[in-house]
Amino acid sequence: MPKGYIIGHIKVTDPEGYPEYVRRDTPILQSLGAKFIVRGGQHQVAEGDSGDRHVVIEFPSYAAALAAYNDPEYQEVADIRRRCAESVIIVVEGHGE
């Protein structure tokens, strides 16, 4: 079964408030099967426009990724991100072909 991913491109607008989101979202998502593949770090935009922070979170399946994103506890914490950053969040099914 293909894995599922949540991919985030984030522009932090409140650097003092954003760490609370990271602190609180991590245990929730991990309890829902998340494995953080990319979280911040050095990057270079080769084409197009992008935020200043990039996140890739792996889940056992696409359904698990969607369920994690839509989880009420996560959505409550996601409001912190929405206040502290501009985000593009994508839920995608992974295929290696």
C-alpha atoms as a PDB file:
ATOM      1  CA  MET A   1       0.000   0.000   0.000  1.00  0.00           C
ATOM      2  CA  PRO A   2       1.382   3.443  -0.900  1.00  0.00           C
ATOM      3  CA  LYS A   3       2.315   5.723   1.962  1.00  0.00           C
ATOM      4  CA  GLY A   4       0.688   9.076   2.544  1.00  0.00           C
ATOM      5  CA  TYR A   5       2.416  12.391   3.104  1.00  0.00           C
ATOM      6  CA  ILE A   6       1.593  15.794   4.455  1.00  0.00           C
ATOM      7  CA  ILE A   7       3.783  18.400   2.785  1.00  0.00           C
ATOM      8  CA  GLY A   8       3.907  21.933   4.125  1.00  0.00           C
ATOM      9  CA  HIS A   9       5.458  25.073   2.676  1.00  0.00           C
ATOM     10  CA  ILE A  10       5.394  27.669   5.398  1.00  0.00           C
ATOM     11  CA  LYS A  11       6.286  31.337   5.741  1.00  0.00           C
ATOM     12  CA  VAL A  12       6.544  32.119   9.447  1.00  0.00           C
ATOM     13  CA  THR A  13       5.092  35.547  10.231  1.00  0.00           C
ATOM     14  CA  ASP A  14       5.297  35.311  14.048  1.00  0.00           C
ATOM     15  CA  PRO A  15       8.619  33.684  14.977  1.00  0.00           C
ATOM     16  CA  GLU A  16       7.876  34.000  18.696  1.00  0.00           C
ATOM     17  CA  GLY A  17       4.514  32.220  18.488  1.00  0.00           C
ATOM     18  CA  TYR A  18       5.347  29.522  15.925  1.00  0.00           C
ATOM     19  CA  PRO A  19       7.469  27.286  18.229  1.00  0.00           C
ATOM     20  CA  GLU A  20       4.368  26.555  20.318  1.00  0.00           C
ATOM     21  CA  TYR A  21       2.759  25.005  17.227  1.00  0.00           C
ATOM     22  CA  VAL A  22       5.815  22.802  16.613  1.00  0.00           C
ATOM     23  CA  ARG A  23       5.946  21.756  20.270  1.00  0.00           C
ATOM     24  CA  ARG A  24       2.256  20.837  20.374  1.00  0.00           C
ATOM     25  CA  ASP A  25       1.709  19.334  16.913  1.00  0.00           C
ATOM     26  CA  THR A  26       4.585  16.839  17.116  1.00  0.00           C
ATOM     27  CA  PRO A  27       3.189  14.472  19.762  1.00  0.00           C
ATOM     28  CA  ILE A  28      -0.301  14.590  18.242  1.00  0.00           C
ATOM     29  CA  LEU A  29       0.875  13.696  14.750  1.00  0.00           C
ATOM     30  CA  GLN A  30       3.315  11.060  16.005  1.00  0.00           C
ATOM     31  CA  SER A  31       0.495   9.384  17.938  1.00  0.00           C
ATOM     32  CA  LEU A  32      -1.378   9.225  14.607  1.00  0.00           C
ATOM     33  CA  GLY A  33       1.494   7.436  12.838  1.00  0.00           C
ATOM     34  CA  ALA A  34       3.587  10.374  11.620  1.00  0.00           C
ATOM     35  CA  LYS A  35       7.263  10.112  10.792  1.00  0.00           C
ATOM     36  CA  PHE A  36       8.871  13.505  10.196  1.00  0.00           C
ATOM     37  CA  ILE A  37      11.087  13.211   7.093  1.00  0.00           C
ATOM     38  CA  VAL A  38      11.869  16.916   6.571  1.00  0.00           C
ATOM     39  CA  ARG A  39      11.306  19.659   9.105  1.00  0.00           C
ATOM     40  CA  GLY A  40      12.917  22.988   8.368  1.00  0.00           C
ATOM     41  CA  GLY A  41      16.582  22.966   7.507  1.00  0.00           C
ATOM     42  CA  GLN A  42      18.665  24.466   4.777  1.00  0.00           C
ATOM     43  CA  HIS A  43      16.977  24.796   1.383  1.00  0.00           C
ATOM     44  CA  GLN A  44      17.244  26.506  -1.963  1.00  0.00           C
ATOM     45  CA  VAL A  45      14.264  27.321  -4.166  1.00  0.00           C
ATOM     46  CA  ALA A  46      15.337  26.220  -7.637  1.00  0.00           C
ATOM     47  CA  GLU A  47      12.127  27.386  -9.375  1.00  0.00           C
ATOM     48  CA  GLY A  48       9.045  29.353  -8.360  1.00  0.00           C
ATOM     49  CA  ASP A  49       8.096  30.893  -5.033  1.00  0.00           C
ATOM     50  CA  SER A  50       8.127  29.168  -1.688  1.00  0.00           C
ATOM     51  CA  GLY A  51       7.999  29.746   2.054  1.00  0.00           C
ATOM     52  CA  ASP A  52      10.970  29.782   4.404  1.00  0.00           C
ATOM     53  CA  ARG A  53      10.180  26.448   6.080  1.00  0.00           C
ATOM     54  CA  HIS A  54       9.380  23.089   4.510  1.00  0.00           C
ATOM     55  CA  VAL A  55       7.964  19.983   6.144  1.00  0.00           C
ATOM     56  CA  VAL A  56       7.395  16.445   4.842  1.00  0.00           C
ATOM     57  CA  ILE A  57       5.579  14.033   7.156  1.00  0.00           C
ATOM     58  CA  GLU A  58       5.174  10.375   6.218  1.00  0.00           C
ATOM     59  CA  PHE A  59       2.200   8.206   7.227  1.00  0.00           C
ATOM     60  CA  PRO A  60       1.486   4.515   6.670  1.00  0.00           C
ATOM     61  CA  SER A  61      -1.182   5.378   4.058  1.00  0.00           C
ATOM     62  CA  TYR A  62      -2.945   8.247   2.294  1.00  0.00           C
ATOM     63  CA  ALA A  63      -6.021   7.606   4.464  1.00  0.00           C
ATOM     64  CA  ALA A  64      -3.884   7.880   7.612  1.00  0.00           C
ATOM     65  CA  ALA A  65      -2.396  11.192   6.404  1.00  0.00           C
ATOM     66  CA  LEU A  66      -5.861  12.623   5.688  1.00  0.00           C
ATOM     67  CA  ALA A  67      -7.171  11.391   9.030  1.00  0.00           C
ATOM     68  CA  ALA A  68      -4.231  12.987  10.862  1.00  0.00           C
ATOM     69  CA  TYR A  69      -4.720  16.330   9.114  1.00  0.00           C
ATOM     70  CA  ASN A  70      -8.453  16.282   9.876  1.00  0.00           C
ATOM     71  CA  ASP A  71      -8.025  15.081  13.460  1.00  0.00           C
ATOM     72  CA  PRO A  72      -9.871  17.519  15.775  1.00  0.00           C
ATOM     73  CA  GLU A  73      -6.992  17.699  18.264  1.00  0.00           C
ATOM     74  CA  TYR A  74      -4.530  18.497  15.468  1.00  0.00           C
ATOM     75  CA  GLN A  75      -6.886  21.063  13.930  1.00  0.00           C
ATOM     76  CA  GLU A  76      -7.094  22.869  17.266  1.00  0.00           C
ATOM     77  CA  VAL A  77      -3.290  23.167  17.331  1.00  0.00           C
ATOM     78  CA  ALA A  78      -3.188  24.027  13.609  1.00  0.00           C
ATOM     79  CA  ASP A  79      -4.974  27.256  14.489  1.00  0.00           C
ATOM     80  CA  ILE A  80      -1.711  28.361  16.128  1.00  0.00           C
ATOM     81  CA  ARG A  81       0.097  27.796  12.804  1.00  0.00           C
ATOM     82  CA  ARG A  82      -2.613  29.707  10.956  1.00  0.00           C
ATOM     83  CA  ARG A  83      -2.106  32.678  13.299  1.00  0.00           C
ATOM     84  CA  CYS A  84       1.694  32.559  13.130  1.00  0.00           C
ATOM     85  CA  ALA A  85       2.376  31.644   9.504  1.00  0.00           C
ATOM     86  CA  GLU A  86       1.156  31.598   5.929  1.00  0.00           C
ATOM     87  CA  SER A  87       0.992  27.967   4.850  1.00  0.00           C
ATOM     88  CA  VAL A  88       0.363  25.723   1.895  1.00  0.00           C
ATOM     89  CA  ILE A  89      -0.468  22.243   3.186  1.00  0.00           C
ATOM     90  CA  ILE A  90      -0.794  19.332   0.755  1.00  0.00           C
ATOM     91  CA  VAL A  91      -1.878  15.773   1.537  1.00  0.00           C
ATOM     92  CA  VAL A  92      -0.586  13.387  -1.117  1.00  0.00           C
ATOM     93  CA  GLU A  93      -0.430   9.662  -1.810  1.00  0.00           C
ATOM     94  CA  GLY A  94       3.115   8.535  -2.495  1.00  0.00           C
ATOM     95  CA  HIS A  95       4.016   6.412  -5.510  1.00  0.00           C
ATOM     96  CA  GLY A  96       7.553   5.509  -6.445  1.00  0.00           C
ATOM     97  CA  GLU A  97       6.905   4.782 -10.118  1.00  0.00           C
END
